[in-house]
Amino acid sequence: MIGSLFLSPLQVKKRQQAVVGFLESNRISFQEVDITNVEERRLWMYQHIPPEKHPDKGNPLPPQIFNGDCYCGDYEDFFQSKENNTVFTFLGLSSPPSVKV
C-alpha cells in the first residue's frame, strides 16, 4: 500500500462515509456494524478476514466489507472496484438494484 501505515480517526471515518454513501446512493441495503465496544463483533470480523489481508502489525482497519459471512475486501479493494466500475461484482451482487419509478 502506498501512503502512511497510520490513518487518523478522521481518515477512517471519511473512508467509512465513502462506502456508506455509495451504498445509499445506489440503494443497496446494508447493515453497518460498529465493532468499537463489542468484543464478539470484533473477533468475528478478525476471524472472517483472510490472513493475507491482515497487516504485519496491528489490526485490519475499518471499513471491512462483507456480504453476509463472505469477505469482500477492505476500503482499498472497494475503491479499486469503483475505479474499475466493478463494485457490484466486488460486493457479490449480480447487478445494480432496479429503481421503481
PDB file of N, CA and C in Angstrom:
ATOM      1  N   MET A   1       0.847  -1.170   0.000  1.00  0.00           N
ATOM      2  CA  MET A   1       0.000   0.000   0.000  1.00  0.00           C
ATOM      3  C   MET A   1       0.892   1.231   0.000  1.00  0.00           C
ATOM      4  N   ILE A   2       0.563   2.159  -0.835  1.00  0.00           N
ATOM      5  CA  ILE A   2       1.305   3.409  -0.896  1.00  0.00           C
ATOM      6  C   ILE A   2       0.681   4.375   0.094  1.00  0.00           C
ATOM      7  N   GLY A   3       1.502   5.074   0.831  1.00  0.00           N
ATOM      8  CA  GLY A   3       0.999   6.053   1.784  1.00  0.00           C
ATOM      9  C   GLY A   3       1.374   5.662   3.194  1.00  0.00           C
ATOM     10  N   SER A   4       0.792   6.353   4.103  1.00  0.00           N
ATOM     11  CA  SER A   4       1.088   6.155   5.511  1.00  0.00           C
ATOM     12  C   SER A   4       0.504   4.844   6.008  1.00  0.00           C
ATOM     13  N   LEU A   5       1.209   4.202   6.926  1.00  0.00           N
ATOM     14  CA  LEU A   5       0.700   2.991   7.543  1.00  0.00           C
ATOM     15  C   LEU A   5      -0.275   3.312   8.667  1.00  0.00           C
ATOM     16  N   PHE A   6      -0.383   4.584   9.008  1.00  0.00           N
ATOM     17  CA  PHE A   6      -1.284   5.011  10.070  1.00  0.00           C
ATOM     18  C   PHE A   6      -2.354   5.914   9.486  1.00  0.00           C
ATOM     19  N   LEU A   7      -3.589   5.644   9.822  1.00  0.00           N
ATOM     20  CA  LEU A   7      -4.695   6.505   9.411  1.00  0.00           C
ATOM     21  C   LEU A   7      -5.277   7.149  10.657  1.00  0.00           C
ATOM     22  N   SER A   8      -5.541   8.425  10.571  1.00  0.00           N
ATOM     23  CA  SER A   8      -6.165   9.115  11.691  1.00  0.00           C
ATOM     24  C   SER A   8      -7.623   8.682  11.788  1.00  0.00           C
ATOM     25  N   PRO A   9      -8.231   8.864  12.957  1.00  0.00           N
ATOM     26  CA  PRO A   9      -9.659   8.554  13.086  1.00  0.00           C
ATOM     27  C   PRO A   9     -10.508   9.302  12.051  1.00  0.00           C
ATOM     28  N   LEU A  10     -10.120  10.518  11.702  1.00  0.00           N
ATOM     29  CA  LEU A  10     -10.861  11.282  10.700  1.00  0.00           C
ATOM     30  C   LEU A  10     -10.762  10.620   9.326  1.00  0.00           C
ATOM     31  N   GLN A  11      -9.580  10.127   8.970  1.00  0.00           N
ATOM     32  CA  GLN A  11      -9.412   9.442   7.688  1.00  0.00           C
ATOM     33  C   GLN A  11     -10.237   8.158   7.644  1.00  0.00           C
ATOM     34  N   VAL A  12     -10.255   7.415   8.735  1.00  0.00           N
ATOM     35  CA  VAL A  12     -11.051   6.191   8.808  1.00  0.00           C
ATOM     36  C   VAL A  12     -12.528   6.536   8.643  1.00  0.00           C
ATOM     37  N   LYS A  13     -12.987   7.571   9.334  1.00  0.00           N
ATOM     38  CA  LYS A  13     -14.388   7.999   9.248  1.00  0.00           C
ATOM     39  C   LYS A  13     -14.743   8.399   7.816  1.00  0.00           C
ATOM     40  N   LYS A  14     -13.858   9.116   7.138  1.00  0.00           N
ATOM     41  CA  LYS A  14     -14.120   9.524   5.756  1.00  0.00           C
ATOM     42  C   LYS A  14     -14.237   8.313   4.841  1.00  0.00           C
ATOM     43  N   ARG A  15     -13.408   7.307   5.070  1.00  0.00           N
ATOM     44  CA  ARG A  15     -13.485   6.082   4.270  1.00  0.00           C
ATOM     45  C   ARG A  15     -14.813   5.366   4.526  1.00  0.00           C
ATOM     46  N   GLN A  16     -15.205   5.291   5.782  1.00  0.00           N
ATOM     47  CA  GLN A  16     -16.484   4.664   6.112  1.00  0.00           C
ATOM     48  C   GLN A  16     -17.625   5.414   5.443  1.00  0.00           C
ATOM     49  N   GLN A  17     -17.589   6.736   5.500  1.00  0.00           N
ATOM     50  CA  GLN A  17     -18.642   7.548   4.890  1.00  0.00           C
ATOM     51  C   GLN A  17     -18.680   7.368   3.379  1.00  0.00           C
ATOM     52  N   ALA A  18     -17.533   7.191   2.748  1.00  0.00           N
ATOM     53  CA  ALA A  18     -17.493   6.980   1.300  1.00  0.00           C
ATOM     54  C   ALA A  18     -18.193   5.680   0.920  1.00  0.00           C
ATOM     55  N   VAL A  19     -17.951   4.624   1.689  1.00  0.00           N
ATOM     56  CA  VAL A  19     -18.592   3.336   1.409  1.00  0.00           C
ATOM     57  C   VAL A  19     -20.090   3.438   1.660  1.00  0.00           C
ATOM     58  N   VAL A  20     -20.480   3.971   2.811  1.00  0.00           N
ATOM     59  CA  VAL A  20     -21.902   4.116   3.145  1.00  0.00           C
ATOM     60  C   VAL A  20     -22.605   4.998   2.120  1.00  0.00           C
ATOM     61  N   GLY A  21     -21.985   6.098   1.743  1.00  0.00           N
ATOM     62  CA  GLY A  21     -22.577   6.992   0.751  1.00  0.00           C
ATOM     63  C   GLY A  21     -22.824   6.298  -0.572  1.00  0.00           C
ATOM     64  N   PHE A  22     -21.867   5.490  -1.014  1.00  0.00           N
ATOM     65  CA  PHE A  22     -22.041   4.755  -2.268  1.00  0.00           C
ATOM     66  C   PHE A  22     -23.203   3.774  -2.152  1.00  0.00           C
ATOM     67  N   LEU A  23     -23.235   3.014  -1.057  1.00  0.00           N
ATOM     68  CA  LEU A  23     -24.302   2.026  -0.872  1.00  0.00           C
ATOM     69  C   LEU A  23     -25.670   2.702  -0.838  1.00  0.00           C
ATOM     70  N   GLU A  24     -25.775   3.796  -0.098  1.00  0.00           N
ATOM     71  CA  GLU A  24     -27.054   4.511  -0.006  1.00  0.00           C
ATOM     72  C   GLU A  24     -27.464   5.095  -1.349  1.00  0.00           C
ATOM     73  N   SER A  25     -26.540   5.724  -2.051  1.00  0.00           N
ATOM     74  CA  SER A  25     -26.894   6.366  -3.321  1.00  0.00           C
ATOM     75  C   SER A  25     -27.261   5.354  -4.395  1.00  0.00           C
ATOM     76  N   ASN A  26     -26.813   4.117  -4.236  1.00  0.00           N
ATOM     77  CA  ASN A  26     -27.155   3.068  -5.190  1.00  0.00           C
ATOM     78  C   ASN A  26     -28.251   2.144  -4.666  1.00  0.00           C
ATOM     79  N   ARG A  27     -28.877   2.565  -3.570  1.00  0.00           N
ATOM     80  CA  ARG A  27     -29.992   1.830  -2.961  1.00  0.00           C
ATOM     81  C   ARG A  27     -29.650   0.358  -2.685  1.00  0.00           C
ATOM     82  N   ILE A  28     -28.458   0.163  -2.172  1.00  0.00           N
ATOM     83  CA  ILE A  28     -28.015  -1.175  -1.789  1.00  0.00           C
ATOM     84  C   ILE A  28     -28.224  -1.302  -0.287  1.00  0.00           C
ATOM     85  N   SER A  29     -29.035  -2.270   0.115  1.00  0.00           N
ATOM     86  CA  SER A  29     -29.294  -2.430   1.547  1.00  0.00           C
ATOM     87  C   SER A  29     -28.035  -2.976   2.224  1.00  0.00           C
ATOM     88  N   PHE A  30     -27.804  -2.506   3.428  1.00  0.00           N
ATOM     89  CA  PHE A  30     -26.620  -2.913   4.176  1.00  0.00           C
ATOM     90  C   PHE A  30     -26.875  -2.732   5.655  1.00  0.00           C
ATOM     91  N   GLN A  31     -26.039  -3.368   6.435  1.00  0.00           N
ATOM     92  CA  GLN A  31     -26.072  -3.203   7.883  1.00  0.00           C
ATOM     93  C   GLN A  31     -24.692  -2.721   8.311  1.00  0.00           C
ATOM     94  N   GLU A  32     -24.661  -1.579   8.932  1.00  0.00           N
ATOM     95  CA  GLU A  32     -23.400  -1.041   9.440  1.00  0.00           C
ATOM     96  C   GLU A  32     -23.181  -1.622  10.836  1.00  0.00           C
ATOM     97  N   VAL A  33     -22.030  -2.240  11.048  1.00  0.00           N
ATOM     98  CA  VAL A  33     -21.733  -2.890  12.323  1.00  0.00           C
ATOM     99  C   VAL A  33     -20.592  -2.141  13.000  1.00  0.00           C
ATOM    100  N   ASP A  34     -20.866  -1.642  14.198  1.00  0.00           N
ATOM    101  CA  ASP A  34     -19.852  -0.939  14.984  1.00  0.00           C
ATOM    102  C   ASP A  34     -19.145  -1.958  15.869  1.00  0.00           C
ATOM    103  N   ILE A  35     -17.848  -2.123  15.661  1.00  0.00           N
ATOM    104  CA  ILE A  35     -17.088  -3.101  16.450  1.00  0.00           C
ATOM    105  C   ILE A  35     -16.355  -2.453  17.619  1.00  0.00           C
ATOM    106  N   THR A  36     -16.570  -1.168  17.815  1.00  0.00           N
ATOM    107  CA  THR A  36     -15.803  -0.418  18.804  1.00  0.00           C
ATOM    108  C   THR A  36     -15.900  -0.996  20.211  1.00  0.00           C
ATOM    109  N   ASN A  37     -17.102  -1.260  20.678  1.00  0.00           N
ATOM    110  CA  ASN A  37     -17.277  -1.660  22.073  1.00  0.00           C
ATOM    111  C   ASN A  37     -17.794  -3.078  22.256  1.00  0.00           C
ATOM    112  N   VAL A  38     -17.869  -3.851  21.184  1.00  0.00           N
ATOM    113  CA  VAL A  38     -18.403  -5.208  21.300  1.00  0.00           C
ATOM    114  C   VAL A  38     -17.330  -6.195  20.842  1.00  0.00           C
ATOM    115  N   GLU A  39     -16.704  -6.839  21.812  1.00  0.00           N
ATOM    116  CA  GLU A  39     -15.583  -7.737  21.531  1.00  0.00           C
ATOM    117  C   GLU A  39     -15.990  -8.890  20.614  1.00  0.00           C
ATOM    118  N   GLU A  40     -17.206  -9.426  20.774  1.00  0.00           N
ATOM    119  CA  GLU A  40     -17.666 -10.529  19.920  1.00  0.00           C
ATOM    120  C   GLU A  40     -17.666 -10.133  18.451  1.00  0.00           C
ATOM    121  N   ARG A  41     -18.142  -8.934  18.154  1.00  0.00           N
ATOM    122  CA  ARG A  41     -18.174  -8.461  16.761  1.00  0.00           C
ATOM    123  C   ARG A  41     -16.765  -8.277  16.210  1.00  0.00           C
ATOM    124  N   ARG A  42     -15.896  -7.736  17.027  1.00  0.00           N
ATOM    125  CA  ARG A  42     -14.513  -7.512  16.608  1.00  0.00           C
ATOM    126  C   ARG A  42     -13.836  -8.855  16.301  1.00  0.00           C
ATOM    127  N   LEU A  43     -14.013  -9.826  17.184  1.00  0.00           N
ATOM    128  CA  LEU A  43     -13.421 -11.145  16.966  1.00  0.00           C
ATOM    129  C   LEU A  43     -13.988 -11.807  15.718  1.00  0.00           C
ATOM    130  N   TRP A  44     -15.315 -11.697  15.523  1.00  0.00           N
ATOM    131  CA  TRP A  44     -15.934 -12.270  14.324  1.00  0.00           C
ATOM    132  C   TRP A  44     -15.297 -11.667  13.072  1.00  0.00           C
ATOM    133  N   MET A  45     -15.154 -10.349  13.051  1.00  0.00           N
ATOM    134  CA  MET A  45     -14.572  -9.685  11.889  1.00  0.00           C
ATOM    135  C   MET A  45     -13.152 -10.188  11.644  1.00  0.00           C
ATOM    136  N   TYR A  46     -12.318 -10.215  12.672  1.00  0.00           N
ATOM    137  CA  TYR A  46     -10.928 -10.646  12.509  1.00  0.00           C
ATOM    138  C   TYR A  46     -10.849 -12.089  12.017  1.00  0.00           C
ATOM    139  N   GLN A  47     -11.749 -12.941  12.512  1.00  0.00           N
ATOM    140  CA  GLN A  47     -11.737 -14.346  12.106  1.00  0.00           C
ATOM    141  C   GLN A  47     -12.192 -14.537  10.661  1.00  0.00           C
ATOM    142  N   HIS A  48     -12.978 -13.616  10.127  1.00  0.00           N
ATOM    143  CA  HIS A  48     -13.515 -13.756   8.773  1.00  0.00           C
ATOM    144  C   HIS A  48     -12.722 -12.982   7.718  1.00  0.00           C
ATOM    145  N   ILE A  49     -11.705 -12.271   8.138  1.00  0.00           N
ATOM    146  CA  ILE A  49     -10.818 -11.595   7.185  1.00  0.00           C
ATOM    147  C   ILE A  49      -9.693 -12.572   6.854  1.00  0.00           C
ATOM    148  N   PRO A  50      -9.451 -12.825   5.565  1.00  0.00           N
ATOM    149  CA  PRO A  50      -8.387 -13.770   5.196  1.00  0.00           C
ATOM    150  C   PRO A  50      -7.027 -13.337   5.754  1.00  0.00           C
ATOM    151  N   PRO A  51      -6.196 -14.303   6.142  1.00  0.00           N
ATOM    152  CA  PRO A  51      -4.887 -13.977   6.734  1.00  0.00           C
ATOM    153  C   PRO A  51      -4.043 -13.042   5.871  1.00  0.00           C
ATOM    154  N   GLU A  52      -4.120 -13.182   4.558  1.00  0.00           N
ATOM    155  CA  GLU A  52      -3.302 -12.328   3.685  1.00  0.00           C
ATOM    156  C   GLU A  52      -3.738 -10.866   3.716  1.00  0.00           C
ATOM    157  N   LYS A  53      -4.923 -10.578   4.250  1.00  0.00           N
ATOM    158  CA  LYS A  53      -5.408  -9.204   4.357  1.00  0.00           C
ATOM    159  C   LYS A  53      -5.092  -8.584   5.718  1.00  0.00           C
ATOM    160  N   HIS A  54      -4.527  -9.382   6.638  1.00  0.00           N
ATOM    161  CA  HIS A  54      -4.137  -8.843   7.942  1.00  0.00           C
ATOM    162  C   HIS A  54      -2.820  -8.089   7.789  1.00  0.00           C
ATOM    163  N   PRO A  55      -2.716  -6.907   8.392  1.00  0.00           N
ATOM    164  CA  PRO A  55      -1.451  -6.164   8.308  1.00  0.00           C
ATOM    165  C   PRO A  55      -0.355  -6.868   9.105  1.00  0.00           C
ATOM    166  N   ASP A  56       0.897  -6.555   8.771  1.00  0.00           N
ATOM    167  CA  ASP A  56       2.025  -7.140   9.501  1.00  0.00           C
ATOM    168  C   ASP A  56       1.982  -6.770  10.979  1.00  0.00           C
ATOM    169  N   LYS A  57       1.538  -5.538  11.254  1.00  0.00           N
ATOM    170  CA  LYS A  57       1.431  -5.071  12.637  1.00  0.00           C
ATOM    171  C   LYS A  57       0.045  -4.492  12.851  1.00  0.00           C
ATOM    172  N   GLY A  58      -0.499  -4.717  14.020  1.00  0.00           N
ATOM    173  CA  GLY A  58      -1.803  -4.153  14.354  1.00  0.00           C
ATOM    174  C   GLY A  58      -2.951  -4.965  13.772  1.00  0.00           C
ATOM    175  N   ASN A  59      -4.090  -4.328  13.716  1.00  0.00           N
ATOM    176  CA  ASN A  59      -5.311  -4.978  13.251  1.00  0.00           C
ATOM    177  C   ASN A  59      -5.791  -4.350  11.951  1.00  0.00           C
ATOM    178  N   PRO A  60      -6.594  -5.094  11.181  1.00  0.00           N
ATOM    179  CA  PRO A  60      -7.174  -4.508   9.971  1.00  0.00           C
ATOM    180  C   PRO A  60      -8.020  -3.290  10.338  1.00  0.00           C
ATOM    181  N   LEU A  61      -7.881  -2.230   9.558  1.00  0.00           N
ATOM    182  CA  LEU A  61      -8.627  -1.004   9.826  1.00  0.00           C
ATOM    183  C   LEU A  61      -9.986  -1.027   9.149  1.00  0.00           C
ATOM    184  N   PRO A  62     -10.974  -0.402   9.775  1.00  0.00           N
ATOM    185  CA  PRO A  62     -12.258  -0.260   9.112  1.00  0.00           C
ATOM    186  C   PRO A  62     -12.151   0.744   7.970  1.00  0.00           C
ATOM    187  N   PRO A  63     -13.025   0.690   7.023  1.00  0.00           N
ATOM    188  CA  PRO A  63     -14.109  -0.285   6.914  1.00  0.00           C
ATOM    189  C   PRO A  63     -13.639  -1.589   6.281  1.00  0.00           C
ATOM    190  N   GLN A  64     -14.179  -2.679   6.778  1.00  0.00           N
ATOM    191  CA  GLN A  64     -14.024  -4.001   6.187  1.00  0.00           C
ATOM    192  C   GLN A  64     -15.406  -4.369   5.661  1.00  0.00           C
ATOM    193  N   ILE A  65     -15.479  -4.890   4.466  1.00  0.00           N
ATOM    194  CA  ILE A  65     -16.768  -5.072   3.798  1.00  0.00           C
ATOM    195  C   ILE A  65     -17.065  -6.557   3.633  1.00  0.00           C
ATOM    196  N   PHE A  66     -18.266  -6.935   4.061  1.00  0.00           N
ATOM    197  CA  PHE A  66     -18.736  -8.314   3.975  1.00  0.00           C
ATOM    198  C   PHE A  66     -20.083  -8.350   3.277  1.00  0.00           C
ATOM    199  N   ASN A  67     -20.369  -9.464   2.638  1.00  0.00           N
ATOM    200  CA  ASN A  67     -21.704  -9.763   2.135  1.00  0.00           C
ATOM    201  C   ASN A  67     -22.128 -11.004   2.900  1.00  0.00           C
ATOM    202  N   GLY A  68     -22.897 -10.803   3.963  1.00  0.00           N
ATOM    203  CA  GLY A  68     -23.191 -11.907   4.876  1.00  0.00           C
ATOM    204  C   GLY A  68     -21.902 -12.309   5.567  1.00  0.00           C
ATOM    205  N   ASP A  69     -21.574 -13.604   5.501  1.00  0.00           N
ATOM    206  CA  ASP A  69     -20.333 -14.101   6.095  1.00  0.00           C
ATOM    207  C   ASP A  69     -19.164 -14.048   5.119  1.00  0.00           C
ATOM    208  N   CYS A  70     -19.422 -13.660   3.888  1.00  0.00           N
ATOM    209  CA  CYS A  70     -18.400 -13.653   2.840  1.00  0.00           C
ATOM    210  C   CYS A  70     -17.631 -12.330   2.844  1.00  0.00           C
ATOM    211  N   TYR A  71     -16.326 -12.418   2.990  1.00  0.00           N
ATOM    212  CA  TYR A  71     -15.473 -11.232   2.993  1.00  0.00           C
ATOM    213  C   TYR A  71     -15.323 -10.709   1.573  1.00  0.00           C
ATOM    214  N   CYS A  72     -15.647  -9.430   1.377  1.00  0.00           N
ATOM    215  CA  CYS A  72     -15.493  -8.788   0.063  1.00  0.00           C
ATOM    216  C   CYS A  72     -14.146  -8.093  -0.040  1.00  0.00           C
ATOM    217  N   GLY A  73     -13.757  -7.364   1.000  1.00  0.00           N
ATOM    218  CA  GLY A  73     -12.485  -6.660   0.976  1.00  0.00           C
ATOM    219  C   GLY A  73     -12.479  -5.471   1.907  1.00  0.00           C
ATOM    220  N   ASP A  74     -11.403  -4.705   1.807  1.00  0.00           N
ATOM    221  CA  ASP A  74     -11.259  -3.511   2.633  1.00  0.00           C
ATOM    222  C   ASP A  74     -11.529  -2.268   1.791  1.00  0.00           C
ATOM    223  N   TYR A  75     -11.247  -1.110   2.352  1.00  0.00           N
ATOM    224  CA  TYR A  75     -11.523   0.132   1.630  1.00  0.00           C
ATOM    225  C   TYR A  75     -10.726   0.216   0.337  1.00  0.00           C
ATOM    226  N   GLU A  76      -9.463  -0.188   0.365  1.00  0.00           N
ATOM    227  CA  GLU A  76      -8.633  -0.126  -0.847  1.00  0.00           C
ATOM    228  C   GLU A  76      -9.239  -0.983  -1.955  1.00  0.00           C
ATOM    229  N   ASP A  77      -9.724  -2.175  -1.596  1.00  0.00           N
ATOM    230  CA  ASP A  77     -10.372  -3.050  -2.582  1.00  0.00           C
ATOM    231  C   ASP A  77     -11.645  -2.401  -3.116  1.00  0.00           C
ATOM    232  N   PHE A  78     -12.424  -1.812  -2.212  1.00  0.00           N
ATOM    233  CA  PHE A  78     -13.656  -1.130  -2.608  1.00  0.00           C
ATOM    234  C   PHE A  78     -13.344   0.014  -3.564  1.00  0.00           C
ATOM    235  N   PHE A  79     -12.371   0.843  -3.212  1.00  0.00           N
ATOM    236  CA  PHE A  79     -12.005   1.987  -4.039  1.00  0.00           C
ATOM    237  C   PHE A  79     -11.557   1.525  -5.425  1.00  0.00           C
ATOM    238  N   GLN A  80     -10.746   0.478  -5.460  1.00  0.00           N
ATOM    239  CA  GLN A  80     -10.274  -0.044  -6.748  1.00  0.00           C
ATOM    240  C   GLN A  80     -11.441  -0.558  -7.586  1.00  0.00           C
ATOM    241  N   SER A  81     -12.404  -1.204  -6.943  1.00  0.00           N
ATOM    242  CA  SER A  81     -13.567  -1.705  -7.689  1.00  0.00           C
ATOM    243  C   SER A  81     -14.410  -0.550  -8.226  1.00  0.00           C
ATOM    244  N   LYS A  82     -14.468   0.551  -7.482  1.00  0.00           N
ATOM    245  CA  LYS A  82     -15.165   1.738  -8.001  1.00  0.00           C
ATOM    246  C   LYS A  82     -14.442   2.284  -9.222  1.00  0.00           C
ATOM    247  N   GLU A  83     -13.132   2.375  -9.141  1.00  0.00           N
ATOM    248  CA  GLU A  83     -12.334   2.877 -10.261  1.00  0.00           C
ATOM    249  C   GLU A  83     -12.506   1.997 -11.503  1.00  0.00           C
ATOM    250  N   ASN A  84     -12.645   0.687 -11.285  1.00  0.00           N
ATOM    251  CA  ASN A  84     -12.779  -0.267 -12.392  1.00  0.00           C
ATOM    252  C   ASN A  84     -14.229  -0.512 -12.796  1.00  0.00           C
ATOM    253  N   ASN A  85     -15.156   0.184 -12.123  1.00  0.00           N
ATOM    254  CA  ASN A  85     -16.589   0.018 -12.383  1.00  0.00           C
ATOM    255  C   ASN A  85     -17.036  -1.436 -12.184  1.00  0.00           C
ATOM    256  N   THR A  86     -16.519  -2.060 -11.129  1.00  0.00           N
ATOM    257  CA  THR A  86     -16.858  -3.451 -10.826  1.00  0.00           C
ATOM    258  C   THR A  86     -17.361  -3.614  -9.390  1.00  0.00           C
ATOM    259  N   VAL A  87     -17.949  -2.563  -8.834  1.00  0.00           N
ATOM    260  CA  VAL A  87     -18.356  -2.599  -7.427  1.00  0.00           C
ATOM    261  C   VAL A  87     -19.387  -3.691  -7.160  1.00  0.00           C
ATOM    262  N   PHE A  88     -20.338  -3.871  -8.064  1.00  0.00           N
ATOM    263  CA  PHE A  88     -21.381  -4.861  -7.803  1.00  0.00           C
ATOM    264  C   PHE A  88     -20.798  -6.272  -7.776  1.00  0.00           C
ATOM    265  N   THR A  89     -19.839  -6.539  -8.628  1.00  0.00           N
ATOM    266  CA  THR A  89     -19.143  -7.826  -8.587  1.00  0.00           C
ATOM    267  C   THR A  89     -18.353  -7.941  -7.291  1.00  0.00           C
ATOM    268  N   PHE A  90     -17.649  -6.881  -6.912  1.00  0.00           N
ATOM    269  CA  PHE A  90     -16.888  -6.848  -5.663  1.00  0.00           C
ATOM    270  C   PHE A  90     -17.785  -7.171  -4.471  1.00  0.00           C
ATOM    271  N   LEU A  91     -19.000  -6.626  -4.482  1.00  0.00           N
ATOM    272  CA  LEU A  91     -19.935  -6.836  -3.374  1.00  0.00           C
ATOM    273  C   LEU A  91     -20.659  -8.177  -3.454  1.00  0.00           C
ATOM    274  N   GLY A  92     -20.436  -8.923  -4.527  1.00  0.00           N
ATOM    275  CA  GLY A  92     -21.108 -10.207  -4.694  1.00  0.00           C
ATOM    276  C   GLY A  92     -22.543 -10.055  -5.144  1.00  0.00           C
ATOM    277  N   LEU A  93     -22.846  -8.939  -5.810  1.00  0.00           N
ATOM    278  CA  LEU A  93     -24.196  -8.674  -6.310  1.00  0.00           C
ATOM    279  C   LEU A  93     -24.206  -8.871  -7.820  1.00  0.00           C
ATOM    280  N   SER A  94     -25.327  -9.357  -8.339  1.00  0.00           N
ATOM    281  CA  SER A  94     -25.391  -9.646  -9.769  1.00  0.00           C
ATOM    282  C   SER A  94     -25.477  -8.393 -10.618  1.00  0.00           C
ATOM    283  N   SER A  95     -26.201  -7.389 -10.156  1.00  0.00           N
ATOM    284  CA  SER A  95     -26.342  -6.159 -10.938  1.00  0.00           C
ATOM    285  C   SER A  95     -26.860  -5.053 -10.031  1.00  0.00           C
ATOM    286  N   PRO A  96     -26.810  -3.811 -10.523  1.00  0.00           N
ATOM    287  CA  PRO A  96     -27.362  -2.720  -9.714  1.00  0.00           C
ATOM    288  C   PRO A  96     -28.840  -2.958  -9.442  1.00  0.00           C
ATOM    289  N   PRO A  97     -29.316  -2.590  -8.254  1.00  0.00           N
ATOM    290  CA  PRO A  97     -30.740  -2.758  -7.961  1.00  0.00           C
ATOM    291  C   PRO A  97     -31.574  -1.893  -8.894  1.00  0.00           C
ATOM    292  N   SER A  98     -32.711  -2.430  -9.297  1.00  0.00           N
ATOM    293  CA  SER A  98     -33.581  -1.657 -10.184  1.00  0.00           C
ATOM    294  C   SER A  98     -34.295  -0.576  -9.387  1.00  0.00           C
ATOM    295  N   VAL A  99     -34.547   0.524 -10.045  1.00  0.00           N
ATOM    296  CA  VAL A  99     -35.210   1.656  -9.408  1.00  0.00           C
ATOM    297  C   VAL A  99     -36.642   1.698  -9.899  1.00  0.00           C
ATOM    298  N   LYS A 100     -37.590   1.689  -8.972  1.00  0.00           N
ATOM    299  CA  LYS A 100     -39.005   1.776  -9.333  1.00  0.00           C
ATOM    300  C   LYS A 100     -39.401   3.234  -9.416  1.00  0.00           C
ATOM    301  N   VAL A 101     -40.052   3.581 -10.509  1.00  0.00           N
ATOM    302  CA  VAL A 101     -40.461   4.973 -10.711  1.00  0.00           C
ATOM    303  C   VAL A 101     -41.943   5.097 -10.497  1.00  0.00           C
TER     304      VAL A 101
END
